[in-house]
Amino acid sequence: MSVINLVQIIKERKDQLGLTIDAIASESNVGTRTINRILAGKDVRYSSISLVLESLDLTISISENN
């Protein structure tokens, strides 16, 4: 999965749930600036992405390509 795909999934979930950036920030304990960086596809810590995903009831899995 590319960063662009991840950002698109986050945006779609945000819209599905009818959440604002402020609401996600409050639920995830991640600052609005960081959430805006995530939505813009900028470089952020994985821990911040993980908290945002958790607040949106999303998970990410990593597997080895064979």
C-alpha atoms as a PDB file:
ATOM      1  CA  MET A   1       0.000   0.000   0.000  1.00  0.00           C
ATOM      2  CA  SER A   2       1.359   3.389  -0.902  1.00  0.00           C
ATOM      3  CA  VAL A   3       1.129   6.516   1.213  1.00  0.00           C
ATOM      4  CA  ILE A   4      -1.334   7.941  -1.303  1.00  0.00           C
ATOM      5  CA  ASN A   5      -3.636   4.929  -0.804  1.00  0.00           C
ATOM      6  CA  LEU A   6      -3.394   5.215   2.968  1.00  0.00           C
ATOM      7  CA  VAL A   7      -4.246   8.919   2.871  1.00  0.00           C
ATOM      8  CA  GLN A   8      -7.225   8.219   0.604  1.00  0.00           C
ATOM      9  CA  ILE A   9      -8.534   5.533   2.965  1.00  0.00           C
ATOM     10  CA  ILE A  10      -8.211   7.880   5.938  1.00  0.00           C
ATOM     11  CA  LYS A  11     -10.018  10.680   4.072  1.00  0.00           C
ATOM     12  CA  GLU A  12     -12.831   8.347   2.988  1.00  0.00           C
ATOM     13  CA  ARG A  13     -13.282   7.000   6.529  1.00  0.00           C
ATOM     14  CA  LYS A  14     -13.288  10.557   7.931  1.00  0.00           C
ATOM     15  CA  ASP A  15     -16.051  11.464   5.485  1.00  0.00           C
ATOM     16  CA  GLN A  16     -18.017   8.236   6.144  1.00  0.00           C
ATOM     17  CA  LEU A  17     -18.060   8.994   9.846  1.00  0.00           C
ATOM     18  CA  GLY A  18     -18.786  12.692   9.278  1.00  0.00           C
ATOM     19  CA  LEU A  19     -15.829  13.736  11.418  1.00  0.00           C
ATOM     20  CA  THR A  20     -13.948  17.000  11.382  1.00  0.00           C
ATOM     21  CA  ILE A  21     -10.206  17.265  11.820  1.00  0.00           C
ATOM     22  CA  ASP A  22     -10.846  18.735  15.267  1.00  0.00           C
ATOM     23  CA  ALA A  23     -12.979  15.717  16.220  1.00  0.00           C
ATOM     24  CA  ILE A  24     -10.282  13.292  15.055  1.00  0.00           C
ATOM     25  CA  ALA A  25      -7.667  15.278  16.962  1.00  0.00           C
ATOM     26  CA  SER A  26      -9.730  15.112  20.122  1.00  0.00           C
ATOM     27  CA  GLU A  27     -10.427  11.384  19.783  1.00  0.00           C
ATOM     28  CA  SER A  28      -6.860  10.409  18.827  1.00  0.00           C
ATOM     29  CA  ASN A  29      -4.905  12.847  21.022  1.00  0.00           C
ATOM     30  CA  VAL A  30      -2.995  13.923  17.909  1.00  0.00           C
ATOM     31  CA  GLY A  31      -2.722  17.603  17.057  1.00  0.00           C
ATOM     32  CA  THR A  32      -4.681  19.092  14.190  1.00  0.00           C
ATOM     33  CA  ARG A  33      -1.445  20.161  12.527  1.00  0.00           C
ATOM     34  CA  THR A  34      -0.245  16.559  12.501  1.00  0.00           C
ATOM     35  CA  ILE A  35      -3.562  15.319  11.146  1.00  0.00           C
ATOM     36  CA  ASN A  36      -3.375  17.896   8.357  1.00  0.00           C
ATOM     37  CA  ARG A  37       0.151  16.654   7.587  1.00  0.00           C
ATOM     38  CA  ILE A  38      -1.122  13.067   7.419  1.00  0.00           C
ATOM     39  CA  LEU A  39      -3.962  14.071   5.082  1.00  0.00           C
ATOM     40  CA  ALA A  40      -1.468  15.931   2.882  1.00  0.00           C
ATOM     41  CA  GLY A  41       0.746  12.836   2.646  1.00  0.00           C
ATOM     42  CA  LYS A  42       3.611  14.511   4.495  1.00  0.00           C
ATOM     43  CA  ASP A  43       6.151  12.739   6.670  1.00  0.00           C
ATOM     44  CA  VAL A  44       4.843  12.021  10.196  1.00  0.00           C
ATOM     45  CA  ARG A  45       5.685   9.523  12.909  1.00  0.00           C
ATOM     46  CA  TYR A  46       4.106   6.101  12.620  1.00  0.00           C
ATOM     47  CA  SER A  47       2.820   6.432  16.179  1.00  0.00           C
ATOM     48  CA  SER A  48       0.725   9.450  15.120  1.00  0.00           C
ATOM     49  CA  ILE A  49      -0.683   7.606  12.118  1.00  0.00           C
ATOM     50  CA  SER A  50      -1.464   4.623  14.320  1.00  0.00           C
ATOM     51  CA  LEU A  51      -3.398   6.774  16.815  1.00  0.00           C
ATOM     52  CA  VAL A  52      -5.413   8.388  14.008  1.00  0.00           C
ATOM     53  CA  LEU A  53      -6.177   5.013  12.445  1.00  0.00           C
ATOM     54  CA  GLU A  54      -7.289   3.652  15.808  1.00  0.00           C
ATOM     55  CA  SER A  55      -9.609   6.625  16.340  1.00  0.00           C
ATOM     56  CA  LEU A  56     -11.186   5.882  12.940  1.00  0.00           C
ATOM     57  CA  ASP A  57     -11.529   2.174  13.793  1.00  0.00           C
ATOM     58  CA  LEU A  58      -8.988   1.251  11.106  1.00  0.00           C
ATOM     59  CA  THR A  59      -5.935  -0.984  11.317  1.00  0.00           C
ATOM     60  CA  ILE A  60      -2.878  -1.453   9.198  1.00  0.00           C
ATOM     61  CA  SER A  61      -1.063  -4.724   8.632  1.00  0.00           C
ATOM     62  CA  ILE A  62       2.365  -5.342   7.251  1.00  0.00           C
ATOM     63  CA  SER A  63       3.388  -8.558   5.562  1.00  0.00           C
ATOM     64  CA  GLU A  64       6.466  -9.788   3.804  1.00  0.00           C
ATOM     65  CA  ASN A  65       6.291 -10.062   0.022  1.00  0.00           C
ATOM     66  CA  ASN A  66       7.418 -13.454  -1.235  1.00  0.00           C
END
